[in-house]
Amino acid sequence: MVLYGAGGHAKVIAELAELNYYEELTFCEDEPTKKQIWNYPIVAKIGNKEKCVIAIGNNAVRKKLAIVLKNAFVTLIHPQSQISTRAMIGNGTVIMAGVTINTDAQVGNHCIVNTNASIDHDCIIEDFVHLSPNVALAGTVSIGEGTHIGVGACVIQGIKVGKWCTIGAGAVIIRDVPDGCTVVGNPGRIIKK
């Protein structure tokens, strides 16, 4: 399997792949500055027949690569996460250790659900979203495409966060957030549109 990316996030995903019994891994980076990570090679190009995970934390870059790459995308779920059998997880999404995803939640394609994040019932997480460590989403929350929610932020039930937003670390979201906004604080306030 190929991990498209060779930074810190890619190393975390490599260990996640190992836990999912992928034994032959290759990192890919457009202009490699080193030859390997651990015992795995780093290459500059891949064919379109290899299974792949886009192992880059930047949501916009992940989207661009998902459009260009013609590979079959792998979903990786940490064995120490709790995922409802009634939840839906998209292609290319990575679910880290300690994550809880409850019933009827939907997580889109190429998302990052990071360590100890919690997604409660009936939430909808669109494509290319990044939920940082310890993010907590109450029930029926909707998160738009490309949004990044910072470490330890929480969103109360029924809230809609728009597309391509940035929610700051530790923010408490108690009102809907329009597309493209940056929100910080407790309670969350928009500081940039």
C-alpha atoms as a PDB file:
ATOM      1  CA  MET A   1       0.000   0.000   0.000  1.00  0.00           C
ATOM      2  CA  VAL A   2       1.148   3.555  -0.731  1.00  0.00           C
ATOM      3  CA  LEU A   3       0.959   6.409   1.767  1.00  0.00           C
ATOM      4  CA  TYR A   4       0.905   9.602  -0.262  1.00  0.00           C
ATOM      5  CA  GLY A   5       2.879  11.904   2.003  1.00  0.00           C
ATOM      6  CA  ALA A   6       6.036  11.508   4.072  1.00  0.00           C
ATOM      7  CA  GLY A   7       5.623  13.844   7.049  1.00  0.00           C
ATOM      8  CA  GLY A   8       4.593  13.313  10.653  1.00  0.00           C
ATOM      9  CA  HIS A   9       0.959  12.592   9.785  1.00  0.00           C
ATOM     10  CA  ALA A  10       2.103   9.950   7.276  1.00  0.00           C
ATOM     11  CA  LYS A  11       4.126   8.198   9.998  1.00  0.00           C
ATOM     12  CA  VAL A  12       1.033   7.995  12.215  1.00  0.00           C
ATOM     13  CA  ILE A  13      -0.930   6.528   9.308  1.00  0.00           C
ATOM     14  CA  ALA A  14       1.888   4.047   8.604  1.00  0.00           C
ATOM     15  CA  GLU A  15       1.557   2.672  12.123  1.00  0.00           C
ATOM     16  CA  LEU A  16      -2.214   2.551  11.652  1.00  0.00           C
ATOM     17  CA  ALA A  17      -1.686   0.587   8.425  1.00  0.00           C
ATOM     18  CA  GLU A  18       0.612  -1.838  10.245  1.00  0.00           C
ATOM     19  CA  LEU A  19      -2.118  -2.397  12.851  1.00  0.00           C
ATOM     20  CA  ASN A  20      -4.441  -3.223   9.937  1.00  0.00           C
ATOM     21  CA  TYR A  21      -1.987  -5.902   8.728  1.00  0.00           C
ATOM     22  CA  TYR A  22      -0.481  -4.012   5.783  1.00  0.00           C
ATOM     23  CA  GLU A  23       3.090  -5.284   5.730  1.00  0.00           C
ATOM     24  CA  GLU A  24       4.444  -3.708   2.552  1.00  0.00           C
ATOM     25  CA  LEU A  25       4.236   0.073   2.709  1.00  0.00           C
ATOM     26  CA  THR A  26       5.689   2.749   0.441  1.00  0.00           C
ATOM     27  CA  PHE A  27       5.690   6.468   1.123  1.00  0.00           C
ATOM     28  CA  CYS A  28       5.289   8.829  -1.823  1.00  0.00           C
ATOM     29  CA  GLU A  29       6.390  12.462  -1.918  1.00  0.00           C
ATOM     30  CA  ASP A  30       6.654  14.641  -5.031  1.00  0.00           C
ATOM     31  CA  GLU A  31      10.207  15.743  -4.221  1.00  0.00           C
ATOM     32  CA  PRO A  32      11.621  13.364  -1.611  1.00  0.00           C
ATOM     33  CA  THR A  33      14.369  14.762   0.611  1.00  0.00           C
ATOM     34  CA  LYS A  34      15.172  11.348   2.103  1.00  0.00           C
ATOM     35  CA  LYS A  35      15.097   7.773   0.857  1.00  0.00           C
ATOM     36  CA  GLN A  36      13.117   6.023   3.552  1.00  0.00           C
ATOM     37  CA  ILE A  37      11.107   6.234   6.742  1.00  0.00           C
ATOM     38  CA  TRP A  38      11.956   3.389   9.088  1.00  0.00           C
ATOM     39  CA  ASN A  39      12.407   0.456   6.681  1.00  0.00           C
ATOM     40  CA  TYR A  40       9.910   1.705   4.108  1.00  0.00           C
ATOM     41  CA  PRO A  41      11.036   3.413   0.885  1.00  0.00           C
ATOM     42  CA  ILE A  42      10.031   6.907  -0.223  1.00  0.00           C
ATOM     43  CA  VAL A  43       9.340   7.270  -3.956  1.00  0.00           C
ATOM     44  CA  ALA A  44       8.479  10.263  -6.151  1.00  0.00           C
ATOM     45  CA  LYS A  45       5.732   8.653  -8.242  1.00  0.00           C
ATOM     46  CA  ILE A  46       3.258   5.804  -7.983  1.00  0.00           C
ATOM     47  CA  GLY A  47       1.216   3.856 -10.477  1.00  0.00           C
ATOM     48  CA  ASN A  48      -2.557   3.817 -10.351  1.00  0.00           C
ATOM     49  CA  LYS A  49      -2.844   0.131  -9.413  1.00  0.00           C
ATOM     50  CA  GLU A  50      -1.583   0.416  -5.838  1.00  0.00           C
ATOM     51  CA  LYS A  51      -3.965   0.826  -2.940  1.00  0.00           C
ATOM     52  CA  CYS A  52      -3.460   4.260  -1.403  1.00  0.00           C
ATOM     53  CA  VAL A  53      -4.147   6.542   1.546  1.00  0.00           C
ATOM     54  CA  ILE A  54      -3.534  10.274   1.194  1.00  0.00           C
ATOM     55  CA  ALA A  55      -1.410  10.813   4.301  1.00  0.00           C
ATOM     56  CA  ILE A  56      -1.352  14.611   4.300  1.00  0.00           C
ATOM     57  CA  GLY A  57      -3.022  16.680   7.020  1.00  0.00           C
ATOM     58  CA  ASN A  58      -3.912  19.709   4.858  1.00  0.00           C
ATOM     59  CA  ASN A  59      -7.553  19.326   3.791  1.00  0.00           C
ATOM     60  CA  ALA A  60      -7.245  21.308   0.539  1.00  0.00           C
ATOM     61  CA  VAL A  61      -4.176  19.335  -0.557  1.00  0.00           C
ATOM     62  CA  ARG A  62      -5.960  16.050   0.214  1.00  0.00           C
ATOM     63  CA  LYS A  63      -8.857  17.137  -1.995  1.00  0.00           C
ATOM     64  CA  LYS A  64      -6.565  18.082  -4.905  1.00  0.00           C
ATOM     65  CA  LEU A  65      -4.764  14.746  -4.695  1.00  0.00           C
ATOM     66  CA  ALA A  66      -8.016  12.766  -4.420  1.00  0.00           C
ATOM     67  CA  ILE A  67      -9.121  14.304  -7.722  1.00  0.00           C
ATOM     68  CA  VAL A  68      -5.821  13.575  -9.491  1.00  0.00           C
ATOM     69  CA  LEU A  69      -4.940  10.110  -8.166  1.00  0.00           C
ATOM     70  CA  LYS A  70      -6.699   7.169  -9.810  1.00  0.00           C
ATOM     71  CA  ASN A  71      -5.853   4.662  -7.087  1.00  0.00           C
ATOM     72  CA  ALA A  72      -8.211   2.606  -4.958  1.00  0.00           C
ATOM     73  CA  PHE A  73      -8.361   4.448  -1.626  1.00  0.00           C
ATOM     74  CA  VAL A  74      -8.128   2.483   1.608  1.00  0.00           C
ATOM     75  CA  THR A  75     -10.018   3.308   4.807  1.00  0.00           C
ATOM     76  CA  LEU A  76      -7.997   2.655   7.969  1.00  0.00           C
ATOM     77  CA  ILE A  77      -9.619   2.222  11.382  1.00  0.00           C
ATOM     78  CA  HIS A  78      -7.584   1.819  14.552  1.00  0.00           C
ATOM     79  CA  PRO A  79      -8.464  -1.406  16.397  1.00  0.00           C
ATOM     80  CA  GLN A  80      -8.806   0.562  19.638  1.00  0.00           C
ATOM     81  CA  SER A  81     -11.609   2.770  18.326  1.00  0.00           C
ATOM     82  CA  GLN A  82     -15.328   2.224  18.890  1.00  0.00           C
ATOM     83  CA  ILE A  83     -17.335   2.439  15.675  1.00  0.00           C
ATOM     84  CA  SER A  84     -21.050   1.672  15.581  1.00  0.00           C
ATOM     85  CA  THR A  85     -22.003  -0.990  13.075  1.00  0.00           C
ATOM     86  CA  ARG A  86     -24.640   1.498  11.902  1.00  0.00           C
ATOM     87  CA  ALA A  87     -22.118   4.277  11.202  1.00  0.00           C
ATOM     88  CA  MET A  88     -20.900   4.874   7.649  1.00  0.00           C
ATOM     89  CA  ILE A  89     -17.227   5.641   6.951  1.00  0.00           C
ATOM     90  CA  GLY A  90     -16.060   6.887   3.525  1.00  0.00           C
ATOM     91  CA  ASN A  91     -13.151   5.840   1.325  1.00  0.00           C
ATOM     92  CA  GLY A  92      -9.678   7.053   2.227  1.00  0.00           C
ATOM     93  CA  THR A  93     -10.721   8.111   5.731  1.00  0.00           C
ATOM     94  CA  VAL A  94      -8.451   7.414   8.707  1.00  0.00           C
ATOM     95  CA  ILE A  95      -9.807   6.788  12.210  1.00  0.00           C
ATOM     96  CA  MET A  96      -7.193   7.006  14.989  1.00  0.00           C
ATOM     97  CA  ALA A  97      -6.945   5.371  18.433  1.00  0.00           C
ATOM     98  CA  GLY A  98      -9.617   6.079  21.021  1.00  0.00           C
ATOM     99  CA  VAL A  99     -12.157   7.487  18.558  1.00  0.00           C
ATOM    100  CA  THR A 100     -15.861   6.861  19.202  1.00  0.00           C
ATOM    101  CA  ILE A 101     -18.374   7.085  16.356  1.00  0.00           C
ATOM    102  CA  ASN A 102     -21.953   6.369  17.381  1.00  0.00           C
ATOM    103  CA  THR A 103     -25.007   5.067  15.580  1.00  0.00           C
ATOM    104  CA  ASP A 104     -26.135   6.482  12.236  1.00  0.00           C
ATOM    105  CA  ALA A 105     -23.192   8.904  12.034  1.00  0.00           C
ATOM    106  CA  GLN A 106     -21.808   9.442   8.538  1.00  0.00           C
ATOM    107  CA  VAL A 107     -18.154  10.292   7.901  1.00  0.00           C
ATOM    108  CA  GLY A 108     -17.229  11.244   4.338  1.00  0.00           C
ATOM    109  CA  ASN A 109     -14.281  10.432   2.096  1.00  0.00           C
ATOM    110  CA  HIS A 110     -10.666  11.350   2.923  1.00  0.00           C
ATOM    111  CA  CYS A 111     -11.429  12.577   6.442  1.00  0.00           C
ATOM    112  CA  ILE A 112      -9.100  12.508   9.435  1.00  0.00           C
ATOM    113  CA  VAL A 113     -10.754  11.598  12.737  1.00  0.00           C
ATOM    114  CA  ASN A 114      -7.870  12.044  15.127  1.00  0.00           C
ATOM    115  CA  THR A 115      -7.008  10.544  18.507  1.00  0.00           C
ATOM    116  CA  ASN A 116      -9.872  10.361  21.047  1.00  0.00           C
ATOM    117  CA  ALA A 117     -12.323  12.370  18.935  1.00  0.00           C
ATOM    118  CA  SER A 118     -16.011  11.652  19.578  1.00  0.00           C
ATOM    119  CA  ILE A 119     -18.783  11.783  16.967  1.00  0.00           C
ATOM    120  CA  ASP A 120     -22.223  11.178  18.435  1.00  0.00           C
ATOM    121  CA  HIS A 121     -25.386   9.811  16.836  1.00  0.00           C
ATOM    122  CA  ASP A 122     -26.701  11.098  13.494  1.00  0.00           C
ATOM    123  CA  CYS A 123     -23.782  13.449  12.796  1.00  0.00           C
ATOM    124  CA  ILE A 124     -22.865  14.150   9.175  1.00  0.00           C
ATOM    125  CA  ILE A 125     -19.191  14.786   8.444  1.00  0.00           C
ATOM    126  CA  GLU A 126     -18.627  15.741   4.798  1.00  0.00           C
ATOM    127  CA  ASP A 127     -15.517  14.929   2.709  1.00  0.00           C
ATOM    128  CA  PHE A 128     -11.992  16.193   3.538  1.00  0.00           C
ATOM    129  CA  VAL A 129     -12.804  17.188   7.133  1.00  0.00           C
ATOM    130  CA  HIS A 130     -10.146  16.997   9.862  1.00  0.00           C
ATOM    131  CA  LEU A 131     -11.312  16.492  13.444  1.00  0.00           C
ATOM    132  CA  SER A 132      -8.271  17.036  15.682  1.00  0.00           C
ATOM    133  CA  PRO A 133      -7.524  15.083  18.881  1.00  0.00           C
ATOM    134  CA  ASN A 134     -10.210  15.246  21.583  1.00  0.00           C
ATOM    135  CA  VAL A 135     -12.832  16.989  19.430  1.00  0.00           C
ATOM    136  CA  ALA A 136     -16.346  16.278  20.721  1.00  0.00           C
ATOM    137  CA  LEU A 137     -19.407  16.500  18.475  1.00  0.00           C
ATOM    138  CA  ALA A 138     -22.795  16.069  20.148  1.00  0.00           C
ATOM    139  CA  GLY A 139     -25.700  14.433  18.293  1.00  0.00           C
ATOM    140  CA  THR A 140     -26.983  15.592  14.889  1.00  0.00           C
ATOM    141  CA  VAL A 141     -24.046  17.935  14.204  1.00  0.00           C
ATOM    142  CA  SER A 142     -23.211  18.654  10.568  1.00  0.00           C
ATOM    143  CA  ILE A 143     -19.662  19.542   9.492  1.00  0.00           C
ATOM    144  CA  GLY A 144     -19.151  20.867   5.945  1.00  0.00           C
ATOM    145  CA  GLU A 145     -16.523  19.810   3.424  1.00  0.00           C
ATOM    146  CA  GLY A 146     -12.922  20.739   4.156  1.00  0.00           C
ATOM    147  CA  THR A 147     -13.509  22.087   7.657  1.00  0.00           C
ATOM    148  CA  HIS A 148     -10.769  21.719  10.265  1.00  0.00           C
ATOM    149  CA  ILE A 149     -11.802  21.541  13.917  1.00  0.00           C
ATOM    150  CA  GLY A 150      -8.937  22.179  16.351  1.00  0.00           C
ATOM    151  CA  VAL A 151      -7.755  20.174  19.351  1.00  0.00           C
ATOM    152  CA  GLY A 152     -10.320  19.856  22.124  1.00  0.00           C
ATOM    153  CA  ALA A 153     -13.072  21.887  20.439  1.00  0.00           C
ATOM    154  CA  CYS A 154     -16.661  20.878  21.112  1.00  0.00           C
ATOM    155  CA  VAL A 155     -19.880  21.424  19.201  1.00  0.00           C
ATOM    156  CA  ILE A 156     -23.292  21.203  20.900  1.00  0.00           C
ATOM    157  CA  GLN A 157     -26.124  19.143  19.444  1.00  0.00           C
ATOM    158  CA  GLY A 158     -27.879  20.148  16.251  1.00  0.00           C
ATOM    159  CA  ILE A 159     -25.270  22.689  15.106  1.00  0.00           C
ATOM    160  CA  LYS A 160     -24.272  23.113  11.462  1.00  0.00           C
ATOM    161  CA  VAL A 161     -20.686  24.137  10.700  1.00  0.00           C
ATOM    162  CA  GLY A 162     -20.225  25.212   7.081  1.00  0.00           C
ATOM    163  CA  LYS A 163     -17.685  24.259   4.435  1.00  0.00           C
ATOM    164  CA  TRP A 164     -13.980  25.129   4.635  1.00  0.00           C
ATOM    165  CA  CYS A 165     -14.189  26.606   8.133  1.00  0.00           C
ATOM    166  CA  THR A 166     -11.490  26.647  10.792  1.00  0.00           C
ATOM    167  CA  ILE A 167     -12.594  26.072  14.372  1.00  0.00           C
ATOM    168  CA  GLY A 168      -9.872  26.988  16.873  1.00  0.00           C
ATOM    169  CA  ALA A 169      -8.485  24.708  19.551  1.00  0.00           C
ATOM    170  CA  GLY A 170     -10.749  24.516  22.587  1.00  0.00           C
ATOM    171  CA  ALA A 171     -13.581  26.460  20.939  1.00  0.00           C
ATOM    172  CA  VAL A 172     -17.131  25.832  22.126  1.00  0.00           C
ATOM    173  CA  ILE A 173     -19.555  26.054  19.218  1.00  0.00           C
ATOM    174  CA  ILE A 174     -23.118  26.891  20.285  1.00  0.00           C
ATOM    175  CA  ARG A 175     -24.362  28.594  17.078  1.00  0.00           C
ATOM    176  CA  ASP A 176     -24.320  27.610  13.403  1.00  0.00           C
ATOM    177  CA  VAL A 177     -21.172  28.684  11.523  1.00  0.00           C
ATOM    178  CA  PRO A 178     -21.417  29.920   7.891  1.00  0.00           C
ATOM    179  CA  ASP A 179     -19.084  28.645   5.159  1.00  0.00           C
ATOM    180  CA  GLY A 180     -15.486  29.854   5.193  1.00  0.00           C
ATOM    181  CA  CYS A 181     -15.386  31.278   8.717  1.00  0.00           C
ATOM    182  CA  THR A 182     -12.735  31.077  11.408  1.00  0.00           C
ATOM    183  CA  VAL A 183     -14.163  30.686  14.902  1.00  0.00           C
ATOM    184  CA  VAL A 184     -12.373  30.801  18.272  1.00  0.00           C
ATOM    185  CA  GLY A 185     -13.231  31.001  21.960  1.00  0.00           C
ATOM    186  CA  ASN A 186     -15.872  29.996  24.483  1.00  0.00           C
ATOM    187  CA  PRO A 187     -18.501  30.633  23.353  1.00  0.00           C
ATOM    188  CA  GLY A 188     -17.205  30.496  19.778  1.00  0.00           C
ATOM    189  CA  ARG A 189     -17.092  33.806  17.937  1.00  0.00           C
ATOM    190  CA  ILE A 190     -16.309  34.459  14.285  1.00  0.00           C
ATOM    191  CA  ILE A 191     -13.026  36.322  13.853  1.00  0.00           C
ATOM    192  CA  LYS A 192     -12.678  35.937  10.079  1.00  0.00           C
ATOM    193  CA  LYS A 193     -15.095  35.449   7.194  1.00  0.00           C
END
